Amino acid sequence: MTDPNVILGKSEHVHRGWKIRITDTVVEAKFSARIEVWKPEHDPRSHNGIGVGFLKRATSPVGARDAALEAAKKWIDEEMV
């Protein structure tokens, strides 16, 4: 069985010292994203990221990426409480 998700690109960001990686995907003709985060003391090259749930779909990759980044920031903010 083949994976129905197509990866378009990746972007990396930092929020409150946490590293965020957004991987753009296409799911059933809509744009979405996969989110991974790393604690400040963890290096993405040597540690697995924490997956952050994200189910939104958008009409453009930029829309999906922006929504995913906001979801990642919110998740990090909630983890730091």
PDB file of N, CA and C in Angstrom:
ATOM      1  N   MET A   1       0.841  -1.180   0.000  1.00  0.00           N
ATOM      2  CA  MET A   1       0.000   0.000   0.000  1.00  0.00           C
ATOM      3  C   MET A   1       0.885   1.241   0.000  1.00  0.00           C
ATOM      4  N   THR A   2       0.532   2.229  -0.788  1.00  0.00           N
ATOM      5  CA  THR A   2       1.329   3.447  -0.853  1.00  0.00           C
ATOM      6  C   THR A   2       0.780   4.482   0.113  1.00  0.00           C
ATOM      7  N   ASP A   3       1.634   5.389   0.531  1.00  0.00           N
ATOM      8  CA  ASP A   3       1.253   6.461   1.440  1.00  0.00           C
ATOM      9  C   ASP A   3       0.479   7.511   0.654  1.00  0.00           C
ATOM     10  N   PRO A   4      -0.749   7.879   1.101  1.00  0.00           N
ATOM     11  CA  PRO A   4      -1.534   8.865   0.359  1.00  0.00           C
ATOM     12  C   PRO A   4      -1.031  10.294   0.548  1.00  0.00           C
ATOM     13  N   ASN A   5      -0.129  10.520   1.505  1.00  0.00           N
ATOM     14  CA  ASN A   5       0.396  11.859   1.767  1.00  0.00           C
ATOM     15  C   ASN A   5       1.612  12.123   0.900  1.00  0.00           C
ATOM     16  N   VAL A   6       1.670  13.300   0.303  1.00  0.00           N
ATOM     17  CA  VAL A   6       2.804  13.708  -0.507  1.00  0.00           C
ATOM     18  C   VAL A   6       3.512  14.835   0.238  1.00  0.00           C
ATOM     19  N   ILE A   7       4.818  14.685   0.449  1.00  0.00           N
ATOM     20  CA  ILE A   7       5.594  15.711   1.150  1.00  0.00           C
ATOM     21  C   ILE A   7       6.047  16.762   0.156  1.00  0.00           C
ATOM     22  N   LEU A   8       5.792  18.027   0.477  1.00  0.00           N
ATOM     23  CA  LEU A   8       6.154  19.129  -0.409  1.00  0.00           C
ATOM     24  C   LEU A   8       7.432  19.844   0.018  1.00  0.00           C
ATOM     25  N   GLY A   9       7.632  20.035   1.303  1.00  0.00           N
ATOM     26  CA  GLY A   9       8.800  20.765   1.779  1.00  0.00           C
ATOM     27  C   GLY A   9       8.810  20.839   3.291  1.00  0.00           C
ATOM     28  N   LYS A  10       9.902  21.379   3.827  1.00  0.00           N
ATOM     29  CA  LYS A  10      10.061  21.498   5.275  1.00  0.00           C
ATOM     30  C   LYS A  10      10.488  22.909   5.618  1.00  0.00           C
ATOM     31  N   SER A  11      10.072  23.361   6.793  1.00  0.00           N
ATOM     32  CA  SER A  11      10.552  24.631   7.320  1.00  0.00           C
ATOM     33  C   SER A  11      10.852  24.435   8.799  1.00  0.00           C
ATOM     34  N   GLU A  12      11.808  25.199   9.299  1.00  0.00           N
ATOM     35  CA  GLU A  12      12.203  25.092  10.702  1.00  0.00           C
ATOM     36  C   GLU A  12      12.079  26.451  11.368  1.00  0.00           C
ATOM     37  N   HIS A  13      11.658  26.410  12.618  1.00  0.00           N
ATOM     38  CA  HIS A  13      11.396  27.623  13.387  1.00  0.00           C
ATOM     39  C   HIS A  13      11.852  27.393  14.825  1.00  0.00           C
ATOM     40  N   VAL A  14      11.910  28.470  15.607  1.00  0.00           N
ATOM     41  CA  VAL A  14      12.217  28.383  17.035  1.00  0.00           C
ATOM     42  C   VAL A  14      11.184  29.217  17.775  1.00  0.00           C
ATOM     43  N   HIS A  15      10.670  28.661  18.870  1.00  0.00           N
ATOM     44  CA  HIS A  15       9.712  29.371  19.731  1.00  0.00           C
ATOM     45  C   HIS A  15      10.059  29.041  21.174  1.00  0.00           C
ATOM     46  N   ARG A  16      10.420  30.074  21.935  1.00  0.00           N
ATOM     47  CA  ARG A  16      10.793  29.915  23.351  1.00  0.00           C
ATOM     48  C   ARG A  16      11.924  28.898  23.533  1.00  0.00           C
ATOM     49  N   GLY A  17      12.815  28.839  22.587  1.00  0.00           N
ATOM     50  CA  GLY A  17      13.945  27.922  22.660  1.00  0.00           C
ATOM     51  C   GLY A  17      13.672  26.539  22.092  1.00  0.00           C
ATOM     52  N   TRP A  18      12.410  26.213  21.879  1.00  0.00           N
ATOM     53  CA  TRP A  18      12.042  24.921  21.297  1.00  0.00           C
ATOM     54  C   TRP A  18      12.221  24.997  19.788  1.00  0.00           C
ATOM     55  N   LYS A  19      12.707  23.928  19.201  1.00  0.00           N
ATOM     56  CA  LYS A  19      12.833  23.851  17.745  1.00  0.00           C
ATOM     57  C   LYS A  19      11.547  23.246  17.187  1.00  0.00           C
ATOM     58  N   ILE A  20      11.098  23.787  16.073  1.00  0.00           N
ATOM     59  CA  ILE A  20       9.870  23.324  15.412  1.00  0.00           C
ATOM     60  C   ILE A  20      10.206  22.995  13.961  1.00  0.00           C
ATOM     61  N   ARG A  21       9.763  21.827  13.522  1.00  0.00           N
ATOM     62  CA  ARG A  21       9.897  21.472  12.106  1.00  0.00           C
ATOM     63  C   ARG A  21       8.490  21.231  11.557  1.00  0.00           C
ATOM     64  N   ILE A  22       8.161  21.945  10.496  1.00  0.00           N
ATOM     65  CA  ILE A  22       6.882  21.798   9.810  1.00  0.00           C
ATOM     66  C   ILE A  22       7.168  21.127   8.470  1.00  0.00           C
ATOM     67  N   THR A  23       6.528  19.997   8.225  1.00  0.00           N
ATOM     68  CA  THR A  23       6.664  19.304   6.950  1.00  0.00           C
ATOM     69  C   THR A  23       5.347  19.443   6.205  1.00  0.00           C
ATOM     70  N   ASP A  24       5.381  20.147   5.075  1.00  0.00           N
ATOM     71  CA  ASP A  24       4.178  20.355   4.261  1.00  0.00           C
ATOM     72  C   ASP A  24       3.781  19.043   3.596  1.00  0.00           C
ATOM     73  N   THR A  25       2.472  18.777   3.585  1.00  0.00           N
ATOM     74  CA  THR A  25       1.970  17.576   2.926  1.00  0.00           C
ATOM     75  C   THR A  25       0.702  17.904   2.151  1.00  0.00           C
ATOM     76  N   VAL A  26       0.347  17.006   1.238  1.00  0.00           N
ATOM     77  CA  VAL A  26      -0.936  17.070   0.543  1.00  0.00           C
ATOM     78  C   VAL A  26      -1.696  15.821   0.952  1.00  0.00           C
ATOM     79  N   VAL A  27      -2.911  16.030   1.450  1.00  0.00           N
ATOM     80  CA  VAL A  27      -3.759  14.923   1.874  1.00  0.00           C
ATOM     81  C   VAL A  27      -5.097  15.063   1.158  1.00  0.00           C
ATOM     82  N   GLU A  28      -5.408  14.100   0.314  1.00  0.00           N
ATOM     83  CA  GLU A  28      -6.679  14.097  -0.412  1.00  0.00           C
ATOM     84  C   GLU A  28      -6.941  15.444  -1.095  1.00  0.00           C
ATOM     85  N   ALA A  29      -5.981  15.945  -1.833  1.00  0.00           N
ATOM     86  CA  ALA A  29      -6.065  17.182  -2.624  1.00  0.00           C
ATOM     87  C   ALA A  29      -6.166  18.454  -1.781  1.00  0.00           C
ATOM     88  N   LYS A  30      -5.903  18.370  -0.483  1.00  0.00           N
ATOM     89  CA  LYS A  30      -5.846  19.550   0.395  1.00  0.00           C
ATOM     90  C   LYS A  30      -4.462  19.598   1.024  1.00  0.00           C
ATOM     91  N   PHE A  31      -4.042  20.789   1.406  1.00  0.00           N
ATOM     92  CA  PHE A  31      -2.733  20.960   2.016  1.00  0.00           C
ATOM     93  C   PHE A  31      -2.835  20.816   3.527  1.00  0.00           C
ATOM     94  N   SER A  32      -1.830  20.174   4.120  1.00  0.00           N
ATOM     95  CA  SER A  32      -1.764  19.995   5.560  1.00  0.00           C
ATOM     96  C   SER A  32      -0.290  20.046   5.963  1.00  0.00           C
ATOM     97  N   ALA A  33       0.007  19.603   7.175  1.00  0.00           N
ATOM     98  CA  ALA A  33       1.393  19.612   7.634  1.00  0.00           C
ATOM     99  C   ALA A  33       1.584  18.608   8.762  1.00  0.00           C
ATOM    100  N   ARG A  34       2.805  18.185   8.913  1.00  0.00           N
ATOM    101  CA  ARG A  34       3.211  17.357  10.056  1.00  0.00           C
ATOM    102  C   ARG A  34       4.097  18.235  10.924  1.00  0.00           C
ATOM    103  N   ILE A  35       3.876  18.185  12.245  1.00  0.00           N
ATOM    104  CA  ILE A  35       4.617  19.029  13.180  1.00  0.00           C
ATOM    105  C   ILE A  35       5.460  18.150  14.095  1.00  0.00           C
ATOM    106  N   GLU A  36       6.746  18.518  14.227  1.00  0.00           N
ATOM    107  CA  GLU A  36       7.635  17.905  15.207  1.00  0.00           C
ATOM    108  C   GLU A  36       8.274  19.032  16.017  1.00  0.00           C
ATOM    109  N   VAL A  37       8.446  18.803  17.321  1.00  0.00           N
ATOM    110  CA  VAL A  37       9.100  19.791  18.174  1.00  0.00           C
ATOM    111  C   VAL A  37      10.184  19.108  19.006  1.00  0.00           C
ATOM    112  N   TRP A  38      11.177  19.908  19.403  1.00  0.00           N
ATOM    113  CA  TRP A  38      12.260  19.433  20.251  1.00  0.00           C
ATOM    114  C   TRP A  38      12.441  20.406  21.413  1.00  0.00           C
ATOM    115  N   LYS A  39      12.619  19.863  22.607  1.00  0.00           N
ATOM    116  CA  LYS A  39      12.904  20.692  23.774  1.00  0.00           C
ATOM    117  C   LYS A  39      14.212  21.444  23.547  1.00  0.00           C
ATOM    118  N   PRO A  40      14.396  22.574  24.241  1.00  0.00           N
ATOM    119  CA  PRO A  40      15.609  23.376  24.031  1.00  0.00           C
ATOM    120  C   PRO A  40      16.918  22.592  24.185  1.00  0.00           C
ATOM    121  N   GLU A  41      16.942  21.635  25.083  1.00  0.00           N
ATOM    122  CA  GLU A  41      18.188  20.901  25.314  1.00  0.00           C
ATOM    123  C   GLU A  41      18.391  19.724  24.360  1.00  0.00           C
ATOM    124  N   HIS A  42      17.461  19.488  23.438  1.00  0.00           N
ATOM    125  CA  HIS A  42      17.571  18.374  22.503  1.00  0.00           C
ATOM    126  C   HIS A  42      17.902  18.869  21.100  1.00  0.00           C
ATOM    127  N   ASP A  43      18.784  18.153  20.448  1.00  0.00           N
ATOM    128  CA  ASP A  43      19.215  18.481  19.089  1.00  0.00           C
ATOM    129  C   ASP A  43      18.473  17.578  18.103  1.00  0.00           C
ATOM    130  N   PRO A  44      17.804  18.153  17.104  1.00  0.00           N
ATOM    131  CA  PRO A  44      17.083  17.336  16.123  1.00  0.00           C
ATOM    132  C   PRO A  44      17.961  16.323  15.387  1.00  0.00           C
ATOM    133  N   ARG A  45      19.264  16.576  15.345  1.00  0.00           N
ATOM    134  CA  ARG A  45      20.156  15.634  14.653  1.00  0.00           C
ATOM    135  C   ARG A  45      20.411  14.379  15.475  1.00  0.00           C
ATOM    136  N   SER A  46      20.160  14.443  16.794  1.00  0.00           N
ATOM    137  CA  SER A  46      20.450  13.279  17.637  1.00  0.00           C
ATOM    138  C   SER A  46      19.260  12.798  18.462  1.00  0.00           C
ATOM    139  N   HIS A  47      18.134  13.507  18.427  1.00  0.00           N
ATOM    140  CA  HIS A  47      16.945  13.119  19.182  1.00  0.00           C
ATOM    141  C   HIS A  47      15.728  13.090  18.262  1.00  0.00           C
ATOM    142  N   ASN A  48      14.835  12.153  18.542  1.00  0.00           N
ATOM    143  CA  ASN A  48      13.566  12.123  17.817  1.00  0.00           C
ATOM    144  C   ASN A  48      12.701  13.278  18.283  1.00  0.00           C
ATOM    145  N   GLY A  49      11.953  13.853  17.384  1.00  0.00           N
ATOM    146  CA  GLY A  49      11.050  14.939  17.731  1.00  0.00           C
ATOM    147  C   GLY A  49       9.781  14.424  18.380  1.00  0.00           C
ATOM    148  N   ILE A  50       9.080  15.324  19.042  1.00  0.00           N
ATOM    149  CA  ILE A  50       7.774  15.036  19.615  1.00  0.00           C
ATOM    150  C   ILE A  50       6.746  15.428  18.567  1.00  0.00           C
ATOM    151  N   GLY A  51       5.892  14.499  18.195  1.00  0.00           N
ATOM    152  CA  GLY A  51       4.852  14.794  17.219  1.00  0.00           C
ATOM    153  C   GLY A  51       3.709  15.567  17.859  1.00  0.00           C
ATOM    154  N   VAL A  52       3.301  16.623  17.214  1.00  0.00           N
ATOM    155  CA  VAL A  52       2.180  17.434  17.680  1.00  0.00           C
ATOM    156  C   VAL A  52       1.016  17.182  16.733  1.00  0.00           C
ATOM    157  N   GLY A  53      -0.117  16.786  17.282  1.00  0.00           N
ATOM    158  CA  GLY A  53      -1.283  16.489  16.460  1.00  0.00           C
ATOM    159  C   GLY A  53      -1.760  17.708  15.685  1.00  0.00           C
ATOM    160  N   PHE A  54      -2.016  17.508  14.399  1.00  0.00           N
ATOM    161  CA  PHE A  54      -2.490  18.594  13.548  1.00  0.00           C
ATOM    162  C   PHE A  54      -3.316  17.985  12.434  1.00  0.00           C
ATOM    163  N   LEU A  55      -4.606  18.278  12.406  1.00  0.00           N
ATOM    164  CA  LEU A  55      -5.501  17.665  11.432  1.00  0.00           C
ATOM    165  C   LEU A  55      -6.117  18.655  10.452  1.00  0.00           C
ATOM    166  N   LYS A  56      -5.768  19.927  10.558  1.00  0.00           N
ATOM    167  CA  LYS A  56      -6.375  20.932   9.686  1.00  0.00           C
ATOM    168  C   LYS A  56      -5.936  20.752   8.236  1.00  0.00           C
ATOM    169  N   ARG A  57      -6.824  21.165   7.331  1.00  0.00           N
ATOM    170  CA  ARG A  57      -6.539  21.179   5.905  1.00  0.00           C
ATOM    171  C   ARG A  57      -6.714  22.611   5.419  1.00  0.00           C
ATOM    172  N   ALA A  58      -5.955  22.998   4.418  1.00  0.00           N
ATOM    173  CA  ALA A  58      -6.023  24.358   3.878  1.00  0.00           C
ATOM    174  C   ALA A  58      -6.007  24.293   2.354  1.00  0.00           C
ATOM    175  N   THR A  59      -6.322  25.419   1.732  1.00  0.00           N
ATOM    176  CA  THR A  59      -6.355  25.465   0.268  1.00  0.00           C
ATOM    177  C   THR A  59      -4.996  25.806  -0.334  1.00  0.00           C
ATOM    178  N   SER A  60      -4.018  26.156   0.530  1.00  0.00           N
ATOM    179  CA  SER A  60      -2.676  26.457   0.029  1.00  0.00           C
ATOM    180  C   SER A  60      -1.637  25.929   1.010  1.00  0.00           C
ATOM    181  N   PRO A  61      -0.429  25.654   0.534  1.00  0.00           N
ATOM    182  CA  PRO A  61       0.616  25.193   1.453  1.00  0.00           C
ATOM    183  C   PRO A  61       0.970  26.260   2.488  1.00  0.00           C
ATOM    184  N   VAL A  62       0.924  27.531   2.098  1.00  0.00           N
ATOM    185  CA  VAL A  62       1.242  28.610   3.039  1.00  0.00           C
ATOM    186  C   VAL A  62       0.205  28.650   4.159  1.00  0.00           C
ATOM    187  N   GLY A  63      -1.061  28.493   3.820  1.00  0.00           N
ATOM    188  CA  GLY A  63      -2.115  28.474   4.827  1.00  0.00           C
ATOM    189  C   GLY A  63      -1.953  27.331   5.802  1.00  0.00           C
ATOM    190  N   ALA A  64      -1.618  26.157   5.278  1.00  0.00           N
ATOM    191  CA  ALA A  64      -1.408  24.991   6.145  1.00  0.00           C
ATOM    192  C   ALA A  64      -0.185  25.196   7.026  1.00  0.00           C
ATOM    193  N   ARG A  65       0.886  25.719   6.460  1.00  0.00           N
ATOM    194  CA  ARG A  65       2.124  25.941   7.208  1.00  0.00           C
ATOM    195  C   ARG A  65       1.907  26.963   8.327  1.00  0.00           C
ATOM    196  N   ASP A  66       1.221  28.054   8.015  1.00  0.00           N
ATOM    197  CA  ASP A  66       0.955  29.075   9.026  1.00  0.00           C
ATOM    198  C   ASP A  66       0.106  28.520  10.167  1.00  0.00           C
ATOM    199  N   ALA A  67      -0.930  27.760   9.831  1.00  0.00           N
ATOM    200  CA  ALA A  67      -1.792  27.163  10.857  1.00  0.00           C
ATOM    201  C   ALA A  67      -1.016  26.149  11.693  1.00  0.00           C
ATOM    202  N   ALA A  68      -0.147  25.379  11.055  1.00  0.00           N
ATOM    203  CA  ALA A  68       0.663  24.393  11.780  1.00  0.00           C
ATOM    204  C   ALA A  68       1.637  25.079  12.730  1.00  0.00           C
ATOM    205  N   LEU A  69       2.254  26.164  12.296  1.00  0.00           N
ATOM    206  CA  LEU A  69       3.186  26.886  13.160  1.00  0.00           C
ATOM    207  C   LEU A  69       2.455  27.450  14.370  1.00  0.00           C
ATOM    208  N   GLU A  70       1.272  28.001  14.173  1.00  0.00           N
ATOM    209  CA  GLU A  70       0.488  28.515  15.308  1.00  0.00           C
ATOM    210  C   GLU A  70       0.114  27.379  16.257  1.00  0.00           C
ATOM    211  N   ALA A  71      -0.251  26.220  15.716  1.00  0.00           N
ATOM    212  CA  ALA A  71      -0.587  25.060  16.554  1.00  0.00           C
ATOM    213  C   ALA A  71       0.629  24.602  17.359  1.00  0.00           C
ATOM    214  N   ALA A  72       1.800  24.609  16.733  1.00  0.00           N
ATOM    215  CA  ALA A  72       3.026  24.213  17.430  1.00  0.00           C
ATOM    216  C   ALA A  72       3.345  25.189  18.558  1.00  0.00           C
ATOM    217  N   LYS A  73       3.227  26.484  18.296  1.00  0.00           N
ATOM    218  CA  LYS A  73       3.492  27.493  19.333  1.00  0.00           C
ATOM    219  C   LYS A  73       2.526  27.345  20.499  1.00  0.00           C
ATOM    220  N   LYS A  74       1.260  27.122  20.195  1.00  0.00           N
ATOM    221  CA  LYS A  74       0.264  26.930  21.254  1.00  0.00           C
ATOM    222  C   LYS A  74       0.604  25.697  22.083  1.00  0.00           C
ATOM    223  N   TRP A  75       0.979  24.604  21.414  1.00  0.00           N
ATOM    224  CA  TRP A  75       1.332  23.371  22.116  1.00  0.00           C
ATOM    225  C   TRP A  75       2.519  23.615  23.051  1.00  0.00           C
ATOM    226  N   ILE A  76       3.549  24.298  22.555  1.00  0.00           N
ATOM    227  CA  ILE A  76       4.734  24.603  23.368  1.00  0.00           C
ATOM    228  C   ILE A  76       4.343  25.467  24.552  1.00  0.00           C
ATOM    229  N   ASP A  77       3.556  26.506  24.320  1.00  0.00           N
ATOM    230  CA  ASP A  77       3.124  27.386  25.418  1.00  0.00           C
ATOM    231  C   ASP A  77       2.397  26.598  26.501  1.00  0.00           C
ATOM    232  N   GLU A  78       1.545  25.650  26.094  1.00  0.00           N
ATOM    233  CA  GLU A  78       0.816  24.828  27.068  1.00  0.00           C
ATOM    234  C   GLU A  78       1.757  23.879  27.820  1.00  0.00           C
ATOM    235  N   GLU A  79       2.795  23.395  27.157  1.00  0.00           N
ATOM    236  CA  GLU A  79       3.763  22.507  27.808  1.00  0.00           C
ATOM    237  C   GLU A  79       4.578  23.246  28.868  1.00  0.00           C
ATOM    238  N   MET A  80       4.767  24.536  28.682  1.00  0.00           N
ATOM    239  CA  MET A  80       5.623  25.301  29.586  1.00  0.00           C
ATOM    240  C   MET A  80       4.887  25.783  30.834  1.00  0.00           C
ATOM    241  N   VAL A  81       3.582  25.546  30.921  1.00  0.00           N
ATOM    242  CA  VAL A  81       2.818  26.006  32.090  1.00  0.00           C
ATOM    243  C   VAL A  81       3.122  25.135  33.278  1.00  0.00           C
TER     244      VAL A  81
END
